[in-house]
Structure formats: C-alpha cells, structure tokens
Amino acid sequence: MKTTGQFINDTLQHSFLILWKEDKKKWEVGCALLKINLQADTYAEAIQSLAKAILDYKLSHEFSEVIENDKEDYLKSSK
C-alpha cells in the first residue's frame, strides 16, 4: 500500500503545474513526467509555452509504459 506522500508524488508527476513565484516575479510551469520546467512573465505566456512543450515532446516507449503501469495500478486499487 502506498503512503500518502507516495500517492501525492505519483499524482503530481502526471500534473501540469503553473505556479506564481513571487521572489522571481515569474510564472513557473512544470510537469515531472514530461520533464517540463519553464518560466514565463505572463500567465498567457505560461499557457502557450506549456502547450508548445507538450506538442514538441517526443513520446518515448518508456513514457507510454509508465502511463500503462500507472493505469493498471489505479484499476487494481479502485476495486
């Protein structure tokens, strides 16, 4: 059984986060699974850079395997 911390890490790795960093006065854009880590001056730029990064990302076999394994784990745990 996964701990709460492991569950949060697993969930966040599939998330796209757009956070305002007050100290840098920038928007930070990230996705752990796709290894996206960007900065933008405006929220619109953050969304645009995220969309471009997703479209430019070359999906590898390992990426697909991670998604399929997580799907199987999710289906098993929800029964």
N, C-alpha and C. Protein backbone atom coordinates (compact mmCIF):
# COMPACT_ATOMS: atom_id res chain seq x y z
N MET A 1 0.84 -1.18 0.00
CA MET A 1 0.00 0.00 0.00
C MET A 1 0.89 1.24 0.00
N LYS A 2 0.51 2.22 -0.79
CA LYS A 2 1.28 3.45 -0.91
C LYS A 2 1.01 4.38 0.26
N THR A 3 2.05 5.11 0.66
CA THR A 3 1.87 6.12 1.69
C THR A 3 1.23 7.35 1.05
N THR A 4 0.77 8.25 1.87
CA THR A 4 0.17 9.48 1.36
C THR A 4 1.18 10.26 0.53
N GLY A 5 2.41 10.33 0.99
CA GLY A 5 3.46 11.04 0.25
C GLY A 5 3.72 10.43 -1.11
N GLN A 6 3.75 9.09 -1.18
CA GLN A 6 3.95 8.42 -2.47
C GLN A 6 2.78 8.68 -3.40
N PHE A 7 1.57 8.65 -2.85
CA PHE A 7 0.38 8.91 -3.67
C PHE A 7 0.40 10.33 -4.23
N ILE A 8 0.78 11.30 -3.39
CA ILE A 8 0.86 12.69 -3.85
C ILE A 8 1.92 12.83 -4.93
N ASN A 9 3.10 12.22 -4.72
CA ASN A 9 4.15 12.29 -5.73
C ASN A 9 3.70 11.66 -7.04
N ASP A 10 3.05 10.51 -6.97
CA ASP A 10 2.56 9.84 -8.18
C ASP A 10 1.52 10.70 -8.89
N THR A 11 0.65 11.33 -8.12
CA THR A 11 -0.39 12.17 -8.71
C THR A 11 0.21 13.41 -9.35
N LEU A 12 1.12 14.06 -8.64
CA LEU A 12 1.71 15.30 -9.16
C LEU A 12 2.60 15.06 -10.37
N GLN A 13 3.18 13.87 -10.49
CA GLN A 13 4.04 13.62 -11.65
C GLN A 13 3.22 13.63 -12.93
N HIS A 14 1.92 13.40 -12.84
CA HIS A 14 1.04 13.43 -14.01
C HIS A 14 0.36 14.78 -14.18
N SER A 15 0.69 15.72 -13.32
CA SER A 15 0.03 17.03 -13.34
C SER A 15 0.87 18.07 -14.06
N PHE A 16 0.18 19.06 -14.58
CA PHE A 16 0.83 20.24 -15.12
C PHE A 16 0.62 21.35 -14.10
N LEU A 17 1.71 21.87 -13.58
CA LEU A 17 1.61 22.90 -12.55
C LEU A 17 2.05 24.24 -13.12
N ILE A 18 1.26 25.26 -12.86
CA ILE A 18 1.62 26.63 -13.22
C ILE A 18 1.52 27.44 -11.93
N LEU A 19 2.67 27.83 -11.41
CA LEU A 19 2.74 28.49 -10.11
C LEU A 19 3.38 29.86 -10.24
N TRP A 20 2.86 30.84 -9.49
CA TRP A 20 3.47 32.17 -9.46
C TRP A 20 4.57 32.16 -8.41
N LYS A 21 5.77 32.58 -8.80
CA LYS A 21 6.90 32.68 -7.87
C LYS A 21 7.15 34.16 -7.59
N GLU A 22 6.72 34.59 -6.42
CA GLU A 22 6.81 36.00 -6.04
C GLU A 22 8.25 36.49 -6.02
N ASP A 23 9.17 35.66 -5.52
CA ASP A 23 10.56 36.09 -5.42
C ASP A 23 11.20 36.33 -6.79
N LYS A 24 10.76 35.59 -7.80
CA LYS A 24 11.29 35.75 -9.16
C LYS A 24 10.41 36.63 -10.04
N LYS A 25 9.19 36.88 -9.55
CA LYS A 25 8.19 37.64 -10.34
C LYS A 25 7.97 36.96 -11.70
N LYS A 26 7.86 35.64 -11.66
CA LYS A 26 7.68 34.84 -12.88
C LYS A 26 6.69 33.72 -12.59
N TRP A 27 6.07 33.25 -13.65
CA TRP A 27 5.26 32.04 -13.60
C TRP A 27 6.19 30.86 -13.87
N GLU A 28 6.09 29.82 -13.06
CA GLU A 28 6.86 28.61 -13.29
C GLU A 28 5.90 27.52 -13.76
N VAL A 29 6.30 26.87 -14.82
CA VAL A 29 5.49 25.83 -15.46
C VAL A 29 6.25 24.52 -15.34
N GLY A 30 5.57 23.47 -14.90
CA GLY A 30 6.27 22.21 -14.76
C GLY A 30 5.40 20.99 -14.91
N CYS A 31 6.04 19.93 -15.34
CA CYS A 31 5.44 18.59 -15.37
C CYS A 31 6.59 17.60 -15.19
N ALA A 32 6.59 16.90 -14.08
CA ALA A 32 7.69 15.98 -13.77
C ALA A 32 7.80 14.86 -14.80
N LEU A 33 6.68 14.30 -15.19
CA LEU A 33 6.70 13.16 -16.10
C LEU A 33 7.27 13.52 -17.47
N LEU A 34 6.92 14.70 -17.97
CA LEU A 34 7.41 15.13 -19.28
C LEU A 34 8.70 15.95 -19.19
N LYS A 35 9.20 16.10 -17.96
CA LYS A 35 10.42 16.87 -17.71
C LYS A 35 10.33 18.29 -18.28
N ILE A 36 9.19 18.92 -18.03
CA ILE A 36 8.97 20.31 -18.44
C ILE A 36 9.24 21.20 -17.23
N ASN A 37 10.09 22.19 -17.42
CA ASN A 37 10.40 23.16 -16.38
C ASN A 37 10.69 24.48 -17.06
N LEU A 38 9.70 25.37 -17.10
CA LEU A 38 9.80 26.63 -17.84
C LEU A 38 9.43 27.80 -16.95
N GLN A 39 9.81 28.99 -17.39
CA GLN A 39 9.41 30.22 -16.71
C GLN A 39 8.80 31.16 -17.73
N ALA A 40 7.85 31.98 -17.29
CA ALA A 40 7.19 32.93 -18.17
C ALA A 40 6.86 34.20 -17.39
N ASP A 41 6.78 35.31 -18.12
CA ASP A 41 6.46 36.60 -17.50
C ASP A 41 4.96 36.77 -17.27
N THR A 42 4.15 36.22 -18.15
CA THR A 42 2.69 36.36 -18.02
C THR A 42 2.05 34.98 -17.99
N TYR A 43 0.82 34.93 -17.49
CA TYR A 43 0.10 33.66 -17.44
C TYR A 43 -0.17 33.15 -18.86
N ALA A 44 -0.49 34.07 -19.77
CA ALA A 44 -0.73 33.67 -21.16
C ALA A 44 0.52 33.03 -21.76
N GLU A 45 1.68 33.61 -21.48
CA GLU A 45 2.94 33.02 -21.97
C GLU A 45 3.18 31.65 -21.33
N ALA A 46 2.80 31.51 -20.07
CA ALA A 46 2.97 30.22 -19.38
C ALA A 46 2.13 29.14 -20.06
N ILE A 47 0.88 29.46 -20.37
CA ILE A 47 0.00 28.50 -21.04
C ILE A 47 0.54 28.18 -22.44
N GLN A 48 0.95 29.21 -23.17
CA GLN A 48 1.48 29.00 -24.52
C GLN A 48 2.75 28.15 -24.50
N SER A 49 3.64 28.43 -23.57
CA SER A 49 4.89 27.66 -23.51
C SER A 49 4.62 26.22 -23.10
N LEU A 50 3.65 26.01 -22.21
CA LEU A 50 3.29 24.64 -21.82
C LEU A 50 2.70 23.89 -23.01
N ALA A 51 1.79 24.53 -23.73
CA ALA A 51 1.18 23.88 -24.90
C ALA A 51 2.24 23.54 -25.94
N LYS A 52 3.16 24.46 -26.18
CA LYS A 52 4.22 24.21 -27.16
C LYS A 52 5.12 23.06 -26.70
N ALA A 53 5.47 23.04 -25.41
CA ALA A 53 6.32 21.97 -24.89
C ALA A 53 5.64 20.61 -25.03
N ILE A 54 4.33 20.55 -24.79
CA ILE A 54 3.60 19.29 -24.94
C ILE A 54 3.59 18.86 -26.40
N LEU A 55 3.31 19.79 -27.30
CA LEU A 55 3.27 19.45 -28.73
C LEU A 55 4.64 19.06 -29.27
N ASP A 56 5.70 19.65 -28.74
CA ASP A 56 7.05 19.34 -29.20
C ASP A 56 7.62 18.07 -28.57
N TYR A 57 7.00 17.59 -27.49
CA TYR A 57 7.54 16.45 -26.75
C TYR A 57 7.43 15.19 -27.59
N LYS A 58 8.52 14.46 -27.67
CA LYS A 58 8.53 13.19 -28.40
C LYS A 58 8.24 12.08 -27.39
N LEU A 59 7.08 11.48 -27.51
CA LEU A 59 6.69 10.43 -26.58
C LEU A 59 7.56 9.20 -26.80
N SER A 60 8.21 8.77 -25.76
CA SER A 60 9.07 7.60 -25.85
C SER A 60 8.32 6.36 -25.41
N HIS A 61 8.92 5.23 -25.66
CA HIS A 61 8.34 3.95 -25.24
C HIS A 61 8.24 3.91 -23.70
N GLU A 62 9.28 4.43 -23.02
CA GLU A 62 9.27 4.43 -21.55
C GLU A 62 8.11 5.25 -21.00
N PHE A 63 7.84 6.39 -21.63
CA PHE A 63 6.73 7.24 -21.20
C PHE A 63 5.42 6.47 -21.28
N SER A 64 5.20 5.80 -22.40
CA SER A 64 3.97 5.02 -22.58
C SER A 64 3.87 3.90 -21.56
N GLU A 65 4.99 3.26 -21.26
CA GLU A 65 4.99 2.18 -20.26
C GLU A 65 4.61 2.70 -18.88
N VAL A 66 5.14 3.86 -18.50
CA VAL A 66 4.83 4.45 -17.20
C VAL A 66 3.33 4.70 -17.09
N ILE A 67 2.74 5.28 -18.13
CA ILE A 67 1.31 5.57 -18.13
C ILE A 67 0.50 4.28 -18.02
N GLU A 68 0.85 3.27 -18.80
CA GLU A 68 0.12 2.00 -18.77
C GLU A 68 0.25 1.32 -17.40
N ASN A 69 1.44 1.34 -16.80
CA ASN A 69 1.63 0.74 -15.48
C ASN A 69 0.82 1.47 -14.42
N ASP A 70 0.82 2.79 -14.49
CA ASP A 70 0.03 3.57 -13.53
C ASP A 70 -1.46 3.30 -13.70
N LYS A 71 -1.90 3.12 -14.94
CA LYS A 71 -3.31 2.82 -15.19
C LYS A 71 -3.66 1.47 -14.56
N GLU A 72 -2.79 0.48 -14.74
CA GLU A 72 -3.04 -0.84 -14.16
C GLU A 72 -3.09 -0.75 -12.63
N ASP A 73 -2.15 -0.03 -12.02
CA ASP A 73 -2.14 0.14 -10.56
C ASP A 73 -3.43 0.82 -10.09
N TYR A 74 -3.86 1.84 -10.83
CA TYR A 74 -5.08 2.55 -10.46
C TYR A 74 -6.29 1.63 -10.54
N LEU A 75 -6.38 0.86 -11.62
CA LEU A 75 -7.52 -0.04 -11.78
C LEU A 75 -7.56 -1.10 -10.68
N LYS A 76 -6.39 -1.60 -10.29
CA LYS A 76 -6.33 -2.61 -9.23
C LYS A 76 -6.73 -2.01 -7.88
N SER A 77 -6.30 -0.78 -7.62
CA SER A 77 -6.56 -0.17 -6.31
C SER A 77 -7.99 0.33 -6.16
N SER A 78 -8.68 0.54 -7.27
CA SER A 78 -10.05 1.07 -7.18
C SER A 78 -11.10 -0.02 -7.07
N LYS A 79 -10.67 -1.27 -7.04
CA LYS A 79 -11.64 -2.38 -6.92
C LYS A 79 -12.03 -2.61 -5.49
